[in-house]
Amino acid sequence: MTVRQPTSEQRFAARESPPGLALMRQRWAGLLFLHWPVDPAGIAERLPPGLHVDTFEGSAWLGVVPFFMHRVRPVGMPPVPWLSWFMELNVRTYVHDADGNPGVWFFSLECNQPLAVAIARRFFHLPYQHAAMRSTKCGGHMQYRSRRETAGSLDADFVYQIPTSTQPAVPGSLEWFLVERYLLFSANPAGELFCGRVRHHPYQLTPARCTRWSTEPLRLDGFPEPTGPPASMLAAAPVDVKIFPLRRCMASPPQLACVGRETRSKGGEPEALIAGA
């Protein structure tokens, strides 16, 4: 099988709105992107068949991304006060399919909304984890804390400045590679691949003033803990997001293609993604 590397054209094309109607709307806020370079081989061995490591200057990248989910709701419906606002922290890396379509692969997604965790696990094949999470905003700084509800877990604690002046990433830069991602992949226990698209304006970024960070989520996901600070620390302004239906990725030699067949819930409605950032 010939595996194509992502082209600049494919990376730009991912920004465009996909065909069909969005199913959900939400806002992502308080975004902090922390990234470390890692050996691509260590990532490749943990990916399902059909996905390949996306690299920048020869390195794979592991990200820890704490943020807030706001106003999460189906299109045409109002947000629900106790359900539509919650916190999320994900561990992610960057991948592409055999056609060169670039996207995100999640190793874990911590969340303090039990219903969101249950739905994402059941219908979207995403490794959501229950977590006790809290945050405090003081003087332009955010303190963000998460503790996964698993044995042996410790607090993951982050303190960072909320950005006031931002700009888009320069195309072709490391920042652009890390954050310009509009496609995610997931897999069910049988190994079937799924993919989904999101649509939002390009992130407005600034180097993060992060005085405290944690590698605890990486440890819990079985990765060696980095000994140094993140090589990239970015903060982003909030973005309003449209979520499009989850689709099954069908293997059709000589290449993988995300076909236009929506997966459906038992109620007959197309499934939509709830994962963010």
C-alpha atoms as a PDB file:
ATOM      1  CA  MET A   1       0.000   0.000   0.000  1.00  0.00           C
ATOM      2  CA  THR A   2       1.296   3.432  -0.925  1.00  0.00           C
ATOM      3  CA  VAL A   3       1.110   5.859   1.987  1.00  0.00           C
ATOM      4  CA  ARG A   4       0.975   9.512   1.020  1.00  0.00           C
ATOM      5  CA  GLN A   5       2.383  12.244   3.224  1.00  0.00           C
ATOM      6  CA  PRO A   6       0.142  15.252   3.890  1.00  0.00           C
ATOM      7  CA  THR A   7       0.643  18.120   1.468  1.00  0.00           C
ATOM      8  CA  SER A   8       0.297  21.824   2.228  1.00  0.00           C
ATOM      9  CA  GLU A   9      -2.810  21.824   0.050  1.00  0.00           C
ATOM     10  CA  GLN A  10      -4.396  19.106   2.196  1.00  0.00           C
ATOM     11  CA  ARG A  11      -3.576  20.979   5.397  1.00  0.00           C
ATOM     12  CA  PHE A  12      -5.184  24.159   4.042  1.00  0.00           C
ATOM     13  CA  ALA A  13      -8.174  22.256   2.625  1.00  0.00           C
ATOM     14  CA  ALA A  14      -8.975  20.810   6.061  1.00  0.00           C
ATOM     15  CA  ARG A  15      -9.976  24.321   7.156  1.00  0.00           C
ATOM     16  CA  GLU A  16     -12.867  24.431   4.728  1.00  0.00           C
ATOM     17  CA  SER A  17     -16.370  23.518   5.805  1.00  0.00           C
ATOM     18  CA  PRO A  18     -17.170  19.895   4.867  1.00  0.00           C
ATOM     19  CA  PRO A  19     -20.295  19.018   2.880  1.00  0.00           C
ATOM     20  CA  GLY A  20     -23.493  18.452   4.780  1.00  0.00           C
ATOM     21  CA  LEU A  21     -24.986  20.063   7.828  1.00  0.00           C
ATOM     22  CA  ALA A  22     -23.337  20.546  11.187  1.00  0.00           C
ATOM     23  CA  LEU A  23     -24.962  18.678  14.063  1.00  0.00           C
ATOM     24  CA  MET A  24     -23.517  20.456  17.084  1.00  0.00           C
ATOM     25  CA  ARG A  25     -22.202  23.828  18.145  1.00  0.00           C
ATOM     26  CA  GLN A  26     -19.852  24.658  20.986  1.00  0.00           C
ATOM     27  CA  ARG A  27     -17.196  27.118  22.094  1.00  0.00           C
ATOM     28  CA  TRP A  28     -13.658  26.173  23.160  1.00  0.00           C
ATOM     29  CA  ALA A  29     -12.092  28.621  25.631  1.00  0.00           C
ATOM     30  CA  GLY A  30      -9.132  28.921  27.969  1.00  0.00           C
ATOM     31  CA  LEU A  31      -7.019  26.867  25.569  1.00  0.00           C
ATOM     32  CA  LEU A  32      -3.470  25.927  26.544  1.00  0.00           C
ATOM     33  CA  PHE A  33      -1.375  23.824  24.138  1.00  0.00           C
ATOM     34  CA  LEU A  34       1.727  22.158  25.636  1.00  0.00           C
ATOM     35  CA  HIS A  35       3.838  19.959  23.343  1.00  0.00           C
ATOM     36  CA  TRP A  36       6.945  17.799  23.549  1.00  0.00           C
ATOM     37  CA  PRO A  37       8.826  16.183  20.610  1.00  0.00           C
ATOM     38  CA  VAL A  38       9.002  12.384  20.824  1.00  0.00           C
ATOM     39  CA  ASP A  39      10.337   9.450  18.823  1.00  0.00           C
ATOM     40  CA  PRO A  40       7.894   8.630  15.995  1.00  0.00           C
ATOM     41  CA  ALA A  41       8.420   4.896  16.560  1.00  0.00           C
ATOM     42  CA  GLY A  42       6.989   5.145  20.075  1.00  0.00           C
ATOM     43  CA  ILE A  43       3.830   6.729  18.692  1.00  0.00           C
ATOM     44  CA  ALA A  44       3.504   4.466  15.642  1.00  0.00           C
ATOM     45  CA  GLU A  45       3.348   1.302  17.750  1.00  0.00           C
ATOM     46  CA  ARG A  46       0.286   2.648  19.566  1.00  0.00           C
ATOM     47  CA  LEU A  47      -1.744   3.629  16.506  1.00  0.00           C
ATOM     48  CA  PRO A  48      -4.423   1.424  14.946  1.00  0.00           C
ATOM     49  CA  PRO A  49      -3.895   0.006  11.439  1.00  0.00           C
ATOM     50  CA  GLY A  50      -4.605   2.630   8.816  1.00  0.00           C
ATOM     51  CA  LEU A  51      -3.075   5.571  10.670  1.00  0.00           C
ATOM     52  CA  HIS A  52       0.470   6.891  10.378  1.00  0.00           C
ATOM     53  CA  VAL A  53       2.542   9.328  12.423  1.00  0.00           C
ATOM     54  CA  ASP A  54       2.518  12.913  11.173  1.00  0.00           C
ATOM     55  CA  THR A  55       5.934  14.466  11.868  1.00  0.00           C
ATOM     56  CA  PHE A  56       7.496  17.914  11.878  1.00  0.00           C
ATOM     57  CA  GLU A  57      11.213  18.023  11.080  1.00  0.00           C
ATOM     58  CA  GLY A  58      11.467  14.321  11.864  1.00  0.00           C
ATOM     59  CA  SER A  59       9.761  14.376  15.272  1.00  0.00           C
ATOM     60  CA  ALA A  60       6.378  13.205  16.412  1.00  0.00           C
ATOM     61  CA  TRP A  61       4.671  15.417  18.981  1.00  0.00           C
ATOM     62  CA  LEU A  62       2.726  14.702  22.157  1.00  0.00           C
ATOM     63  CA  GLY A  63       0.365  17.386  23.380  1.00  0.00           C
ATOM     64  CA  VAL A  64      -1.366  18.073  26.686  1.00  0.00           C
ATOM     65  CA  VAL A  65      -4.289  20.450  26.135  1.00  0.00           C
ATOM     66  CA  PRO A  66      -6.457  21.754  29.007  1.00  0.00           C
ATOM     67  CA  PHE A  67      -9.438  23.918  28.067  1.00  0.00           C
ATOM     68  CA  PHE A  68     -13.125  24.629  28.662  1.00  0.00           C
ATOM     69  CA  MET A  69     -16.153  23.459  26.681  1.00  0.00           C
ATOM     70  CA  HIS A  70     -18.883  26.115  26.587  1.00  0.00           C
ATOM     71  CA  ARG A  71     -22.427  26.145  25.190  1.00  0.00           C
ATOM     72  CA  VAL A  72     -22.272  22.539  23.922  1.00  0.00           C
ATOM     73  CA  ARG A  73     -25.596  21.723  22.265  1.00  0.00           C
ATOM     74  CA  PRO A  74     -27.195  20.272  19.130  1.00  0.00           C
ATOM     75  CA  VAL A  75     -27.776  22.717  16.286  1.00  0.00           C
ATOM     76  CA  GLY A  76     -31.089  24.503  16.779  1.00  0.00           C
ATOM     77  CA  MET A  77     -31.227  23.799  20.520  1.00  0.00           C
ATOM     78  CA  PRO A  78     -30.333  26.118  23.412  1.00  0.00           C
ATOM     79  CA  PRO A  79     -27.518  25.223  25.823  1.00  0.00           C
ATOM     80  CA  VAL A  80     -28.500  23.600  29.118  1.00  0.00           C
ATOM     81  CA  PRO A  81     -26.948  25.250  32.207  1.00  0.00           C
ATOM     82  CA  TRP A  82     -25.707  22.145  34.025  1.00  0.00           C
ATOM     83  CA  LEU A  83     -24.870  20.110  30.931  1.00  0.00           C
ATOM     84  CA  SER A  84     -23.443  22.454  28.281  1.00  0.00           C
ATOM     85  CA  TRP A  85     -20.457  23.818  30.243  1.00  0.00           C
ATOM     86  CA  PHE A  86     -17.627  21.585  31.441  1.00  0.00           C
ATOM     87  CA  MET A  87     -13.855  21.139  31.505  1.00  0.00           C
ATOM     88  CA  GLU A  88     -11.721  18.884  29.339  1.00  0.00           C
ATOM     89  CA  LEU A  89      -8.042  17.945  29.161  1.00  0.00           C
ATOM     90  CA  ASN A  90      -6.702  15.796  26.368  1.00  0.00           C
ATOM     91  CA  VAL A  91      -3.489  13.973  25.487  1.00  0.00           C
ATOM     92  CA  ARG A  92      -3.060  13.959  21.728  1.00  0.00           C
ATOM     93  CA  THR A  93      -0.709  13.331  18.856  1.00  0.00           C
ATOM     94  CA  TYR A  94      -0.788  13.988  15.112  1.00  0.00           C
ATOM     95  CA  VAL A  95      -1.482  11.439  12.428  1.00  0.00           C
ATOM     96  CA  HIS A  96      -2.573  11.019   8.839  1.00  0.00           C
ATOM     97  CA  ASP A  97      -4.315   8.326   6.850  1.00  0.00           C
ATOM     98  CA  ALA A  98      -2.903   6.583   3.775  1.00  0.00           C
ATOM     99  CA  ASP A  99      -4.299   9.351   1.564  1.00  0.00           C
ATOM    100  CA  GLY A 100      -2.341  11.951   3.487  1.00  0.00           C
ATOM    101  CA  ASN A 101      -5.315  13.494   5.289  1.00  0.00           C
ATOM    102  CA  PRO A 102      -3.871  15.054   8.479  1.00  0.00           C
ATOM    103  CA  GLY A 103      -5.662  14.820  11.800  1.00  0.00           C
ATOM    104  CA  VAL A 104      -5.544  14.210  15.545  1.00  0.00           C
ATOM    105  CA  TRP A 105      -5.400  10.996  17.556  1.00  0.00           C
ATOM    106  CA  PHE A 106      -6.365  11.129  21.238  1.00  0.00           C
ATOM    107  CA  PHE A 107      -4.782   8.898  23.860  1.00  0.00           C
ATOM    108  CA  SER A 108      -7.094  10.218  26.581  1.00  0.00           C
ATOM    109  CA  LEU A 109      -9.668  12.936  27.225  1.00  0.00           C
ATOM    110  CA  GLU A 110     -10.338  13.851  30.845  1.00  0.00           C
ATOM    111  CA  CYS A 111     -13.724  15.407  31.543  1.00  0.00           C
ATOM    112  CA  ASN A 112     -15.817  16.415  34.566  1.00  0.00           C
ATOM    113  CA  GLN A 113     -19.214  15.929  32.881  1.00  0.00           C
ATOM    114  CA  PRO A 114     -20.290  12.288  33.413  1.00  0.00           C
ATOM    115  CA  LEU A 115     -22.918  12.328  30.670  1.00  0.00           C
ATOM    116  CA  ALA A 116     -20.417  13.632  28.122  1.00  0.00           C
ATOM    117  CA  VAL A 117     -17.991  10.865  29.129  1.00  0.00           C
ATOM    118  CA  ALA A 118     -20.642   8.164  28.732  1.00  0.00           C
ATOM    119  CA  ILE A 119     -21.837   9.426  25.332  1.00  0.00           C
ATOM    120  CA  ALA A 120     -18.332   9.856  23.934  1.00  0.00           C
ATOM    121  CA  ARG A 121     -17.248   6.381  25.005  1.00  0.00           C
ATOM    122  CA  ARG A 122     -20.369   4.666  23.739  1.00  0.00           C
ATOM    123  CA  PHE A 123     -21.003   6.380  20.438  1.00  0.00           C
ATOM    124  CA  PHE A 124     -17.799   8.111  19.387  1.00  0.00           C
ATOM    125  CA  HIS A 125     -15.170   5.513  20.376  1.00  0.00           C
ATOM    126  CA  LEU A 126     -13.096   8.125  22.181  1.00  0.00           C
ATOM    127  CA  PRO A 127     -11.065   7.303  25.341  1.00  0.00           C
ATOM    128  CA  TYR A 128     -12.800   9.711  27.692  1.00  0.00           C
ATOM    129  CA  GLN A 129     -11.909   9.471  31.381  1.00  0.00           C
ATOM    130  CA  HIS A 130     -13.835  10.663  34.428  1.00  0.00           C
ATOM    131  CA  ALA A 131     -11.931  13.350  36.308  1.00  0.00           C
ATOM    132  CA  ALA A 132     -12.414  15.717  39.216  1.00  0.00           C
ATOM    133  CA  MET A 133     -11.596  19.132  37.773  1.00  0.00           C
ATOM    134  CA  ARG A 134     -11.652  22.691  39.032  1.00  0.00           C
ATOM    135  CA  SER A 135     -10.407  26.068  37.915  1.00  0.00           C
ATOM    136  CA  THR A 136      -9.814  29.541  39.350  1.00  0.00           C
ATOM    137  CA  LYS A 137      -9.416  32.750  37.381  1.00  0.00           C
ATOM    138  CA  CYS A 138      -7.521  35.525  39.140  1.00  0.00           C
ATOM    139  CA  GLY A 139      -5.837  38.645  37.800  1.00  0.00           C
ATOM    140  CA  GLY A 140      -5.647  37.492  34.207  1.00  0.00           C
ATOM    141  CA  HIS A 141      -4.283  34.072  35.163  1.00  0.00           C
ATOM    142  CA  MET A 142      -5.981  30.697  35.068  1.00  0.00           C
ATOM    143  CA  GLN A 143      -5.300  27.903  37.523  1.00  0.00           C
ATOM    144  CA  TYR A 144      -6.563  24.648  36.070  1.00  0.00           C
ATOM    145  CA  ARG A 145      -6.474  21.350  37.957  1.00  0.00           C
ATOM    146  CA  SER A 146      -7.535  17.838  36.991  1.00  0.00           C
ATOM    147  CA  ARG A 147      -7.309  14.519  38.815  1.00  0.00           C
ATOM    148  CA  ARG A 148      -8.299  11.446  36.864  1.00  0.00           C
ATOM    149  CA  GLU A 149     -10.584   9.074  38.749  1.00  0.00           C
ATOM    150  CA  THR A 150      -8.252   6.096  38.479  1.00  0.00           C
ATOM    151  CA  ALA A 151      -6.085   4.409  41.081  1.00  0.00           C
ATOM    152  CA  GLY A 152      -2.707   6.034  41.556  1.00  0.00           C
ATOM    153  CA  SER A 153      -3.514   9.264  39.759  1.00  0.00           C
ATOM    154  CA  LEU A 154      -2.162  12.606  40.970  1.00  0.00           C
ATOM    155  CA  ASP A 155      -3.251  16.178  40.382  1.00  0.00           C
ATOM    156  CA  ALA A 156      -2.368  17.676  37.025  1.00  0.00           C
ATOM    157  CA  ASP A 157      -1.935  21.372  37.788  1.00  0.00           C
ATOM    158  CA  PHE A 158      -1.541  24.221  35.301  1.00  0.00           C
ATOM    159  CA  VAL A 159      -1.180  27.969  35.816  1.00  0.00           C
ATOM    160  CA  TYR A 160      -1.132  30.181  32.741  1.00  0.00           C
ATOM    161  CA  GLN A 161      -1.928  33.703  31.628  1.00  0.00           C
ATOM    162  CA  ILE A 162      -5.108  34.302  29.667  1.00  0.00           C
ATOM    163  CA  PRO A 163      -4.033  35.831  26.326  1.00  0.00           C
ATOM    164  CA  THR A 164      -4.914  39.416  25.456  1.00  0.00           C
ATOM    165  CA  SER A 165      -2.999  39.822  22.173  1.00  0.00           C
ATOM    166  CA  THR A 166      -2.997  37.011  19.620  1.00  0.00           C
ATOM    167  CA  GLN A 167      -2.372  36.276  15.943  1.00  0.00           C
ATOM    168  CA  PRO A 168      -2.762  33.284  13.609  1.00  0.00           C
ATOM    169  CA  ALA A 169       0.046  30.769  13.203  1.00  0.00           C
ATOM    170  CA  VAL A 170       2.390  31.263  10.267  1.00  0.00           C
ATOM    171  CA  PRO A 171       1.709  28.586   7.625  1.00  0.00           C
ATOM    172  CA  GLY A 172       4.430  25.959   7.636  1.00  0.00           C
ATOM    173  CA  SER A 173       5.602  26.774  11.156  1.00  0.00           C
ATOM    174  CA  LEU A 174       5.640  24.337  14.066  1.00  0.00           C
ATOM    175  CA  GLU A 175       2.734  26.229  15.636  1.00  0.00           C
ATOM    176  CA  TRP A 176       0.698  25.814  12.459  1.00  0.00           C
ATOM    177  CA  PHE A 177       1.494  22.078  12.353  1.00  0.00           C
ATOM    178  CA  LEU A 178       0.386  21.598  15.969  1.00  0.00           C
ATOM    179  CA  VAL A 179      -2.881  23.531  16.076  1.00  0.00           C
ATOM    180  CA  GLU A 180      -4.275  23.654  12.533  1.00  0.00           C
ATOM    181  CA  ARG A 181      -6.186  20.371  12.894  1.00  0.00           C
ATOM    182  CA  TYR A 182      -9.781  19.967  11.767  1.00  0.00           C
ATOM    183  CA  LEU A 183     -10.042  16.173  11.469  1.00  0.00           C
ATOM    184  CA  LEU A 184      -9.928  13.586  14.227  1.00  0.00           C
ATOM    185  CA  PHE A 185      -9.709   9.820  14.099  1.00  0.00           C
ATOM    186  CA  SER A 186     -11.047   7.254  16.555  1.00  0.00           C
ATOM    187  CA  ALA A 187     -11.385   3.471  16.606  1.00  0.00           C
ATOM    188  CA  ASN A 188     -13.808   1.029  18.179  1.00  0.00           C
ATOM    189  CA  PRO A 189     -12.712  -2.142  20.032  1.00  0.00           C
ATOM    190  CA  ALA A 190     -12.950  -4.119  16.771  1.00  0.00           C
ATOM    191  CA  GLY A 191     -10.360  -1.814  15.198  1.00  0.00           C
ATOM    192  CA  GLU A 192     -12.733  -0.022  12.810  1.00  0.00           C
ATOM    193  CA  LEU A 193     -11.616   3.542  12.107  1.00  0.00           C
ATOM    194  CA  PHE A 194     -13.885   6.567  12.299  1.00  0.00           C
ATOM    195  CA  CYS A 195     -13.244  10.174  11.394  1.00  0.00           C
ATOM    196  CA  GLY A 196     -14.969  13.470  11.999  1.00  0.00           C
ATOM    197  CA  ARG A 197     -14.596  17.091  10.982  1.00  0.00           C
ATOM    198  CA  VAL A 198     -14.869  20.334  12.896  1.00  0.00           C
ATOM    199  CA  ARG A 199     -15.066  23.859  11.551  1.00  0.00           C
ATOM    200  CA  HIS A 200     -13.826  27.034  13.223  1.00  0.00           C
ATOM    201  CA  HIS A 201     -11.779  30.078  12.341  1.00  0.00           C
ATOM    202  CA  PRO A 202      -8.005  29.512  12.586  1.00  0.00           C
ATOM    203  CA  TYR A 203      -6.744  29.767  16.142  1.00  0.00           C
ATOM    204  CA  GLN A 204      -5.474  33.147  17.290  1.00  0.00           C
ATOM    205  CA  LEU A 205      -2.353  32.332  19.303  1.00  0.00           C
ATOM    206  CA  THR A 206       0.337  33.737  21.525  1.00  0.00           C
ATOM    207  CA  PRO A 207       3.309  32.121  23.301  1.00  0.00           C
ATOM    208  CA  ALA A 208       1.903  30.936  26.620  1.00  0.00           C
ATOM    209  CA  ARG A 209       3.099  32.400  29.877  1.00  0.00           C
ATOM    210  CA  CYS A 210       2.752  29.136  31.749  1.00  0.00           C
ATOM    211  CA  THR A 211       4.307  29.077  35.209  1.00  0.00           C
ATOM    212  CA  ARG A 212       3.117  25.596  36.175  1.00  0.00           C
ATOM    213  CA  TRP A 213       2.455  22.532  34.071  1.00  0.00           C
ATOM    214  CA  SER A 214       2.082  18.807  34.607  1.00  0.00           C
ATOM    215  CA  THR A 215       3.168  15.655  32.792  1.00  0.00           C
ATOM    216  CA  GLU A 216       0.834  13.512  34.922  1.00  0.00           C
ATOM    217  CA  PRO A 217      -1.596  12.882  32.012  1.00  0.00           C
ATOM    218  CA  LEU A 218       1.297  11.534  29.929  1.00  0.00           C
ATOM    219  CA  ARG A 219       2.358   9.224  32.758  1.00  0.00           C
ATOM    220  CA  LEU A 220      -1.165   7.896  33.174  1.00  0.00           C
ATOM    221  CA  ASP A 221      -1.302   7.143  29.440  1.00  0.00           C
ATOM    222  CA  GLY A 222       1.870   5.064  29.643  1.00  0.00           C
ATOM    223  CA  PHE A 223       4.389   7.516  28.210  1.00  0.00           C
ATOM    224  CA  PRO A 224       7.799   8.285  29.733  1.00  0.00           C
ATOM    225  CA  GLU A 225       7.523  11.622  31.504  1.00  0.00           C
ATOM    226  CA  PRO A 226       9.537  14.383  29.802  1.00  0.00           C
ATOM    227  CA  THR A 227      12.409  15.679  31.877  1.00  0.00           C
ATOM    228  CA  GLY A 228      12.237  19.213  30.538  1.00  0.00           C
ATOM    229  CA  PRO A 229       9.624  21.860  29.911  1.00  0.00           C
ATOM    230  CA  PRO A 230       7.394  21.731  26.854  1.00  0.00           C
ATOM    231  CA  ALA A 231       9.197  22.666  23.647  1.00  0.00           C
ATOM    232  CA  SER A 232       6.086  24.563  22.568  1.00  0.00           C
ATOM    233  CA  MET A 233       3.708  26.439  24.869  1.00  0.00           C
ATOM    234  CA  LEU A 234       0.803  28.265  23.241  1.00  0.00           C
ATOM    235  CA  ALA A 235      -2.359  29.939  24.484  1.00  0.00           C
ATOM    236  CA  ALA A 236      -5.309  30.605  22.197  1.00  0.00           C
ATOM    237  CA  ALA A 237      -8.305  32.907  22.118  1.00  0.00           C
ATOM    238  CA  PRO A 238     -11.747  31.223  22.257  1.00  0.00           C
ATOM    239  CA  VAL A 239     -13.225  29.793  19.064  1.00  0.00           C
ATOM    240  CA  ASP A 240     -16.801  28.987  18.107  1.00  0.00           C
ATOM    241  CA  VAL A 241     -16.995  25.506  16.610  1.00  0.00           C
ATOM    242  CA  LYS A 242     -19.332  23.551  14.366  1.00  0.00           C
ATOM    243  CA  ILE A 243     -19.257  19.765  14.726  1.00  0.00           C
ATOM    244  CA  PHE A 244     -20.041  17.547  11.725  1.00  0.00           C
ATOM    245  CA  PRO A 245     -21.206  13.904  11.657  1.00  0.00           C
ATOM    246  CA  LEU A 246     -18.863  11.092  12.550  1.00  0.00           C
ATOM    247  CA  ARG A 247     -18.146   8.841   9.570  1.00  0.00           C
ATOM    248  CA  ARG A 248     -16.699   5.389   9.221  1.00  0.00           C
ATOM    249  CA  CYS A 249     -13.359   5.189   7.418  1.00  0.00           C
ATOM    250  CA  MET A 250     -13.391   2.253   5.011  1.00  0.00           C
ATOM    251  CA  ALA A 251     -10.221   0.493   3.927  1.00  0.00           C
ATOM    252  CA  SER A 252     -10.310   0.148   0.169  1.00  0.00           C
ATOM    253  CA  PRO A 253      -6.913  -0.873  -1.275  1.00  0.00           C
ATOM    254  CA  PRO A 254      -4.656   0.640  -2.339  1.00  0.00           C
ATOM    255  CA  GLN A 255      -5.583   3.466   0.021  1.00  0.00           C
ATOM    256  CA  LEU A 256      -7.862   4.449   2.878  1.00  0.00           C
ATOM    257  CA  ALA A 257     -10.713   6.787   2.178  1.00  0.00           C
ATOM    258  CA  CYS A 258     -13.207   8.385   4.540  1.00  0.00           C
ATOM    259  CA  VAL A 259     -16.373   7.528   2.727  1.00  0.00           C
ATOM    260  CA  GLY A 260     -19.547   9.576   2.894  1.00  0.00           C
ATOM    261  CA  ARG A 261     -21.520   7.122   5.004  1.00  0.00           C
ATOM    262  CA  GLU A 262     -22.668   8.496   8.318  1.00  0.00           C
ATOM    263  CA  THR A 263     -22.756   6.221  11.331  1.00  0.00           C
ATOM    264  CA  ARG A 264     -26.122   6.245  13.071  1.00  0.00           C
ATOM    265  CA  SER A 265     -27.210   5.873  16.636  1.00  0.00           C
ATOM    266  CA  LYS A 266     -29.930   3.442  17.648  1.00  0.00           C
ATOM    267  CA  GLY A 267     -32.400   6.283  17.330  1.00  0.00           C
ATOM    268  CA  GLY A 268     -31.515   6.688  13.668  1.00  0.00           C
ATOM    269  CA  GLU A 269     -29.855  10.102  13.975  1.00  0.00           C
ATOM    270  CA  PRO A 270     -26.319  10.720  12.649  1.00  0.00           C
ATOM    271  CA  GLU A 271     -23.741  10.648  15.416  1.00  0.00           C
ATOM    272  CA  ALA A 272     -21.803  13.833  16.108  1.00  0.00           C
ATOM    273  CA  LEU A 273     -18.456  14.384  17.752  1.00  0.00           C
ATOM    274  CA  ILE A 274     -18.148  16.062  21.116  1.00  0.00           C
ATOM    275  CA  ALA A 275     -14.366  15.999  21.445  1.00  0.00           C
ATOM    276  CA  GLY A 276     -12.678  19.354  21.335  1.00  0.00           C
ATOM    277  CA  ALA A 277      -9.452  21.167  20.544  1.00  0.00           C
END
